[in-house]
Amino acid sequence: MDKKNFQFYYGLVITVVGFGVFYRIPQVIQRIEPIDFFSKKILVVKFCLYVLGAMLVIAGSMRIYKNFK
């Protein structure tokens, strides 16, 4: 596998993982809310998880785009 194909598939995997993070956030939040420490900071936790997912999707999309550029 040459470097160009590797970069494309790596970008694809990163993008899919980012969408997976978005898919899992509601289930994870339900398990985190009962914990006393996180119950007061649930908005910060949600924000961080959504930013993580967005960064993964953007990074993967950039790799895929640069591969075809």
PDB file of N, CA and C in Angstrom:
ATOM      1  N   MET A   1       0.845  -1.170   0.000  1.00  0.00           N
ATOM      2  CA  MET A   1       0.000   0.000   0.000  1.00  0.00           C
ATOM      3  C   MET A   1       0.892   1.235   0.000  1.00  0.00           C
ATOM      4  N   ASP A   2       0.677   2.099  -0.967  1.00  0.00           N
ATOM      5  CA  ASP A   2       1.498   3.296  -1.042  1.00  0.00           C
ATOM      6  C   ASP A   2       0.978   4.363  -0.068  1.00  0.00           C
ATOM      7  N   LYS A   3       1.745   5.437   0.048  1.00  0.00           N
ATOM      8  CA  LYS A   3       1.438   6.467   1.041  1.00  0.00           C
ATOM      9  C   LYS A   3       0.114   7.167   0.748  1.00  0.00           C
ATOM     10  N   LYS A   4      -0.203   7.361  -0.527  1.00  0.00           N
ATOM     11  CA  LYS A   4      -1.438   8.064  -0.891  1.00  0.00           C
ATOM     12  C   LYS A   4      -2.665   7.261  -0.463  1.00  0.00           C
ATOM     13  N   ASN A   5      -2.665   5.951  -0.691  1.00  0.00           N
ATOM     14  CA  ASN A   5      -3.788   5.122  -0.258  1.00  0.00           C
ATOM     15  C   ASN A   5      -3.881   5.077   1.260  1.00  0.00           C
ATOM     16  N   PHE A   6      -2.736   4.998   1.923  1.00  0.00           N
ATOM     17  CA  PHE A   6      -2.730   4.965   3.380  1.00  0.00           C
ATOM     18  C   PHE A   6      -3.334   6.240   3.949  1.00  0.00           C
ATOM     19  N   GLN A   7      -2.954   7.398   3.406  1.00  0.00           N
ATOM     20  CA  GLN A   7      -3.493   8.676   3.873  1.00  0.00           C
ATOM     21  C   GLN A   7      -5.005   8.740   3.675  1.00  0.00           C
ATOM     22  N   PHE A   8      -5.485   8.224   2.555  1.00  0.00           N
ATOM     23  CA  PHE A   8      -6.927   8.233   2.286  1.00  0.00           C
ATOM     24  C   PHE A   8      -7.667   7.368   3.292  1.00  0.00           C
ATOM     25  N   TYR A   9      -7.210   6.151   3.497  1.00  0.00           N
ATOM     26  CA  TYR A   9      -7.897   5.250   4.421  1.00  0.00           C
ATOM     27  C   TYR A   9      -7.774   5.724   5.871  1.00  0.00           C
ATOM     28  N   TYR A  10      -6.644   6.320   6.225  1.00  0.00           N
ATOM     29  CA  TYR A  10      -6.478   6.876   7.557  1.00  0.00           C
ATOM     30  C   TYR A  10      -7.468   8.022   7.784  1.00  0.00           C
ATOM     31  N   GLY A  11      -7.632   8.889   6.802  1.00  0.00           N
ATOM     32  CA  GLY A  11      -8.612   9.967   6.884  1.00  0.00           C
ATOM     33  C   GLY A  11     -10.024   9.432   6.983  1.00  0.00           C
ATOM     34  N   LEU A  12     -10.301   8.359   6.245  1.00  0.00           N
ATOM     35  CA  LEU A  12     -11.620   7.743   6.297  1.00  0.00           C
ATOM     36  C   LEU A  12     -11.901   7.168   7.685  1.00  0.00           C
ATOM     37  N   VAL A  13     -10.924   6.521   8.271  1.00  0.00           N
ATOM     38  CA  VAL A  13     -11.086   5.946   9.607  1.00  0.00           C
ATOM     39  C   VAL A  13     -11.292   7.052  10.640  1.00  0.00           C
ATOM     40  N   ILE A  14     -10.525   8.128  10.553  1.00  0.00           N
ATOM     41  CA  ILE A  14     -10.672   9.236  11.497  1.00  0.00           C
ATOM     42  C   ILE A  14     -12.067   9.851  11.385  1.00  0.00           C
ATOM     43  N   THR A  15     -12.561  10.015  10.165  1.00  0.00           N
ATOM     44  CA  THR A  15     -13.896  10.585   9.964  1.00  0.00           C
ATOM     45  C   THR A  15     -14.974   9.681  10.550  1.00  0.00           C
ATOM     46  N   VAL A  16     -14.865   8.387  10.315  1.00  0.00           N
ATOM     47  CA  VAL A  16     -15.855   7.448  10.843  1.00  0.00           C
ATOM     48  C   VAL A  16     -15.814   7.424  12.369  1.00  0.00           C
ATOM     49  N   VAL A  17     -14.635   7.503  12.945  1.00  0.00           N
ATOM     50  CA  VAL A  17     -14.518   7.546  14.408  1.00  0.00           C
ATOM     51  C   VAL A  17     -15.170   8.825  14.949  1.00  0.00           C
ATOM     52  N   GLY A  18     -15.002   9.931  14.252  1.00  0.00           N
ATOM     53  CA  GLY A  18     -15.650  11.179  14.666  1.00  0.00           C
ATOM     54  C   GLY A  18     -17.159  11.059  14.673  1.00  0.00           C
ATOM     55  N   PHE A  19     -17.727  10.452  13.621  1.00  0.00           N
ATOM     56  CA  PHE A  19     -19.177  10.247  13.589  1.00  0.00           C
ATOM     57  C   PHE A  19     -19.601   9.248  14.672  1.00  0.00           C
ATOM     58  N   GLY A  20     -18.745   8.287  14.974  1.00  0.00           N
ATOM     59  CA  GLY A  20     -19.030   7.353  16.056  1.00  0.00           C
ATOM     60  C   GLY A  20     -19.085   8.044  17.412  1.00  0.00           C
ATOM     61  N   VAL A  21     -18.223   9.035  17.602  1.00  0.00           N
ATOM     62  CA  VAL A  21     -18.253   9.811  18.842  1.00  0.00           C
ATOM     63  C   VAL A  21     -19.590  10.541  18.957  1.00  0.00           C
ATOM     64  N   PHE A  22     -20.046  11.163  17.855  1.00  0.00           N
ATOM     65  CA  PHE A  22     -21.345  11.838  17.874  1.00  0.00           C
ATOM     66  C   PHE A  22     -22.467  10.858  18.191  1.00  0.00           C
ATOM     67  N   TYR A  23     -22.372   9.654  17.671  1.00  0.00           N
ATOM     68  CA  TYR A  23     -23.405   8.644  17.893  1.00  0.00           C
ATOM     69  C   TYR A  23     -23.437   8.190  19.356  1.00  0.00           C
ATOM     70  N   ARG A  24     -22.281   8.097  19.982  1.00  0.00           N
ATOM     71  CA  ARG A  24     -22.190   7.557  21.341  1.00  0.00           C
ATOM     72  C   ARG A  24     -22.419   8.584  22.447  1.00  0.00           C
ATOM     73  N   ILE A  25     -22.351   9.872  22.145  1.00  0.00           N
ATOM     74  CA  ILE A  25     -22.451  10.896  23.180  1.00  0.00           C
ATOM     75  C   ILE A  25     -23.717  10.756  24.031  1.00  0.00           C
ATOM     76  N   PRO A  26     -24.919  10.584  23.454  1.00  0.00           N
ATOM     77  CA  PRO A  26     -26.107  10.469  24.331  1.00  0.00           C
ATOM     78  C   PRO A  26     -26.038   9.289  25.303  1.00  0.00           C
ATOM     79  N   GLN A  27     -25.513   8.151  24.873  1.00  0.00           N
ATOM     80  CA  GLN A  27     -25.408   7.009  25.780  1.00  0.00           C
ATOM     81  C   GLN A  27     -24.382   7.264  26.877  1.00  0.00           C
ATOM     82  N   VAL A  28     -23.294   7.901  26.533  1.00  0.00           N
ATOM     83  CA  VAL A  28     -22.241   8.176  27.516  1.00  0.00           C
ATOM     84  C   VAL A  28     -22.719   9.206  28.533  1.00  0.00           C
ATOM     85  N   ILE A  29     -23.428  10.226  28.073  1.00  0.00           N
ATOM     86  CA  ILE A  29     -23.923  11.261  28.977  1.00  0.00           C
ATOM     87  C   ILE A  29     -24.881  10.656  29.999  1.00  0.00           C
ATOM     88  N   GLN A  30     -25.725   9.717  29.581  1.00  0.00           N
ATOM     89  CA  GLN A  30     -26.649   9.070  30.526  1.00  0.00           C
ATOM     90  C   GLN A  30     -25.902   8.317  31.623  1.00  0.00           C
ATOM     91  N   ARG A  31     -24.749   7.758  31.291  1.00  0.00           N
ATOM     92  CA  ARG A  31     -23.976   7.028  32.295  1.00  0.00           C
ATOM     93  C   ARG A  31     -23.152   7.966  33.174  1.00  0.00           C
ATOM     94  N   ILE A  32     -22.828   9.157  32.660  1.00  0.00           N
ATOM     95  CA  ILE A  32     -22.002  10.105  33.414  1.00  0.00           C
ATOM     96  C   ILE A  32     -22.854  10.956  34.358  1.00  0.00           C
ATOM     97  N   GLU A  33     -24.094  11.270  33.981  1.00  0.00           N
ATOM     98  CA  GLU A  33     -24.933  12.159  34.781  1.00  0.00           C
ATOM     99  C   GLU A  33     -25.110  11.726  36.242  1.00  0.00           C
ATOM    100  N   PRO A  34     -25.257  10.440  36.556  1.00  0.00           N
ATOM    101  CA  PRO A  34     -25.436  10.078  37.983  1.00  0.00           C
ATOM    102  C   PRO A  34     -24.212  10.327  38.862  1.00  0.00           C
ATOM    103  N   ILE A  35     -23.050  10.489  38.289  1.00  0.00           N
ATOM    104  CA  ILE A  35     -21.837  10.739  39.070  1.00  0.00           C
ATOM    105  C   ILE A  35     -21.893  12.175  39.598  1.00  0.00           C
ATOM    106  N   ASP A  36     -21.749  12.339  40.892  1.00  0.00           N
ATOM    107  CA  ASP A  36     -21.909  13.649  41.530  1.00  0.00           C
ATOM    108  C   ASP A  36     -20.967  14.704  40.966  1.00  0.00           C
ATOM    109  N   PHE A  37     -19.721  14.336  40.779  1.00  0.00           N
ATOM    110  CA  PHE A  37     -18.732  15.311  40.298  1.00  0.00           C
ATOM    111  C   PHE A  37     -19.104  15.847  38.917  1.00  0.00           C
ATOM    112  N   PHE A  38     -19.554  14.967  38.024  1.00  0.00           N
ATOM    113  CA  PHE A  38     -19.860  15.374  36.660  1.00  0.00           C
ATOM    114  C   PHE A  38     -21.269  15.936  36.498  1.00  0.00           C
ATOM    115  N   SER A  39     -22.166  15.666  37.436  1.00  0.00           N
ATOM    116  CA  SER A  39     -23.541  16.143  37.297  1.00  0.00           C
ATOM    117  C   SER A  39     -23.616  17.668  37.300  1.00  0.00           C
ATOM    118  N   LYS A  40     -22.704  18.312  38.006  1.00  0.00           N
ATOM    119  CA  LYS A  40     -22.684  19.776  38.053  1.00  0.00           C
ATOM    120  C   LYS A  40     -21.970  20.375  36.841  1.00  0.00           C
ATOM    121  N   LYS A  41     -21.196  19.561  36.145  1.00  0.00           N
ATOM    122  CA  LYS A  41     -20.407  20.052  35.020  1.00  0.00           C
ATOM    123  C   LYS A  41     -20.786  19.347  33.711  1.00  0.00           C
ATOM    124  N   ILE A  42     -22.047  18.927  33.601  1.00  0.00           N
ATOM    125  CA  ILE A  42     -22.461  18.115  32.455  1.00  0.00           C
ATOM    126  C   ILE A  42     -22.384  18.901  31.153  1.00  0.00           C
ATOM    127  N   LEU A  43     -22.629  20.209  31.194  1.00  0.00           N
ATOM    128  CA  LEU A  43     -22.542  21.014  29.971  1.00  0.00           C
ATOM    129  C   LEU A  43     -21.110  21.084  29.456  1.00  0.00           C
ATOM    130  N   VAL A  44     -20.154  21.164  30.369  1.00  0.00           N
ATOM    131  CA  VAL A  44     -18.742  21.186  29.968  1.00  0.00           C
ATOM    132  C   VAL A  44     -18.353  19.846  29.349  1.00  0.00           C
ATOM    133  N   VAL A  45     -18.819  18.771  29.940  1.00  0.00           N
ATOM    134  CA  VAL A  45     -18.519  17.438  29.408  1.00  0.00           C
ATOM    135  C   VAL A  45     -19.127  17.268  28.017  1.00  0.00           C
ATOM    136  N   LYS A  46     -20.380  17.677  27.841  1.00  0.00           N
ATOM    137  CA  LYS A  46     -21.019  17.592  26.520  1.00  0.00           C
ATOM    138  C   LYS A  46     -20.264  18.422  25.496  1.00  0.00           C
ATOM    139  N   PHE A  47     -19.910  19.648  25.888  1.00  0.00           N
ATOM    140  CA  PHE A  47     -19.177  20.528  24.982  1.00  0.00           C
ATOM    141  C   PHE A  47     -17.858  19.893  24.546  1.00  0.00           C
ATOM    142  N   CYS A  48     -17.126  19.339  25.497  1.00  0.00           N
ATOM    143  CA  CYS A  48     -15.836  18.717  25.187  1.00  0.00           C
ATOM    144  C   CYS A  48     -16.001  17.513  24.256  1.00  0.00           C
ATOM    145  N   LEU A  49     -17.010  16.696  24.500  1.00  0.00           N
ATOM    146  CA  LEU A  49     -17.227  15.525  23.648  1.00  0.00           C
ATOM    147  C   LEU A  49     -17.627  15.934  22.237  1.00  0.00           C
ATOM    148  N   TYR A  50     -18.496  16.955  22.116  1.00  0.00           N
ATOM    149  CA  TYR A  50     -18.888  17.407  20.785  1.00  0.00           C
ATOM    150  C   TYR A  50     -17.722  18.062  20.048  1.00  0.00           C
ATOM    151  N   VAL A  51     -16.881  18.800  20.752  1.00  0.00           N
ATOM    152  CA  VAL A  51     -15.692  19.389  20.117  1.00  0.00           C
ATOM    153  C   VAL A  51     -14.738  18.285  19.664  1.00  0.00           C
ATOM    154  N   LEU A  52     -14.570  17.254  20.484  1.00  0.00           N
ATOM    155  CA  LEU A  52     -13.720  16.122  20.103  1.00  0.00           C
ATOM    156  C   LEU A  52     -14.239  15.469  18.827  1.00  0.00           C
ATOM    157  N   GLY A  53     -15.543  15.208  18.763  1.00  0.00           N
ATOM    158  CA  GLY A  53     -16.132  14.612  17.564  1.00  0.00           C
ATOM    159  C   GLY A  53     -15.959  15.498  16.346  1.00  0.00           C
ATOM    160  N   ALA A  54     -16.188  16.806  16.519  1.00  0.00           N
ATOM    161  CA  ALA A  54     -16.048  17.739  15.395  1.00  0.00           C
ATOM    162  C   ALA A  54     -14.600  17.791  14.904  1.00  0.00           C
ATOM    163  N   MET A  55     -13.654  17.802  15.828  1.00  0.00           N
ATOM    164  CA  MET A  55     -12.251  17.837  15.427  1.00  0.00           C
ATOM    165  C   MET A  55     -11.853  16.577  14.665  1.00  0.00           C
ATOM    166  N   LEU A  56     -12.365  15.426  15.081  1.00  0.00           N
ATOM    167  CA  LEU A  56     -12.056  14.187  14.376  1.00  0.00           C
ATOM    168  C   LEU A  56     -12.646  14.194  12.963  1.00  0.00           C
ATOM    169  N   VAL A  57     -13.876  14.643  12.836  1.00  0.00           N
ATOM    170  CA  VAL A  57     -14.508  14.689  11.511  1.00  0.00           C
ATOM    171  C   VAL A  57     -13.775  15.675  10.611  1.00  0.00           C
ATOM    172  N   ILE A  58     -13.423  16.835  11.129  1.00  0.00           N
ATOM    173  CA  ILE A  58     -12.724  17.843  10.325  1.00  0.00           C
ATOM    174  C   ILE A  58     -11.341  17.337   9.918  1.00  0.00           C
ATOM    175  N   ALA A  59     -10.609  16.745  10.852  1.00  0.00           N
ATOM    176  CA  ALA A  59      -9.260  16.251  10.537  1.00  0.00           C
ATOM    177  C   ALA A  59      -9.311  15.139   9.491  1.00  0.00           C
ATOM    178  N   GLY A  60     -10.263  14.221   9.637  1.00  0.00           N
ATOM    179  CA  GLY A  60     -10.393  13.147   8.656  1.00  0.00           C
ATOM    180  C   GLY A  60     -10.807  13.670   7.296  1.00  0.00           C
ATOM    181  N   SER A  61     -11.720  14.637   7.283  1.00  0.00           N
ATOM    182  CA  SER A  61     -12.159  15.218   6.009  1.00  0.00           C
ATOM    183  C   SER A  61     -11.017  15.960   5.320  1.00  0.00           C
ATOM    184  N   MET A  62     -10.206  16.639   6.106  1.00  0.00           N
ATOM    185  CA  MET A  62      -9.062  17.348   5.529  1.00  0.00           C
ATOM    186  C   MET A  62      -8.072  16.370   4.894  1.00  0.00           C
ATOM    187  N   ARG A  63      -7.841  15.250   5.548  1.00  0.00           N
ATOM    188  CA  ARG A  63      -6.932  14.243   4.981  1.00  0.00           C
ATOM    189  C   ARG A  63      -7.485  13.680   3.676  1.00  0.00           C
ATOM    190  N   ILE A  64      -8.778  13.399   3.664  1.00  0.00           N
ATOM    191  CA  ILE A  64      -9.398  12.865   2.445  1.00  0.00           C
ATOM    192  C   ILE A  64      -9.341  13.910   1.333  1.00  0.00           C
ATOM    193  N   TYR A  65      -9.635  15.162   1.666  1.00  0.00           N
ATOM    194  CA  TYR A  65      -9.621  16.230   0.660  1.00  0.00           C
ATOM    195  C   TYR A  65      -8.220  16.442   0.102  1.00  0.00           C
ATOM    196  N   LYS A  66      -7.218  16.476   0.971  1.00  0.00           N
ATOM    197  CA  LYS A  66      -5.830  16.672   0.517  1.00  0.00           C
ATOM    198  C   LYS A  66      -5.355  15.514  -0.339  1.00  0.00           C
ATOM    199  N   ASN A  67      -5.914  14.329  -0.122  1.00  0.00           N
ATOM    200  CA  ASN A  67      -5.530  13.176  -0.920  1.00  0.00           C
ATOM    201  C   ASN A  67      -5.958  13.335  -2.374  1.00  0.00           C
ATOM    202  N   PHE A  68      -7.112  13.948  -2.591  1.00  0.00           N
ATOM    203  CA  PHE A  68      -7.609  14.113  -3.957  1.00  0.00           C
ATOM    204  C   PHE A  68      -7.222  15.433  -4.589  1.00  0.00           C
ATOM    205  N   LYS A  69      -6.631  16.313  -3.818  1.00  0.00           N
ATOM    206  CA  LYS A  69      -6.239  17.633  -4.325  1.00  0.00           C
ATOM    207  C   LYS A  69      -5.073  17.541  -5.261  1.00  0.00           C
TER     208      LYS A  69
END
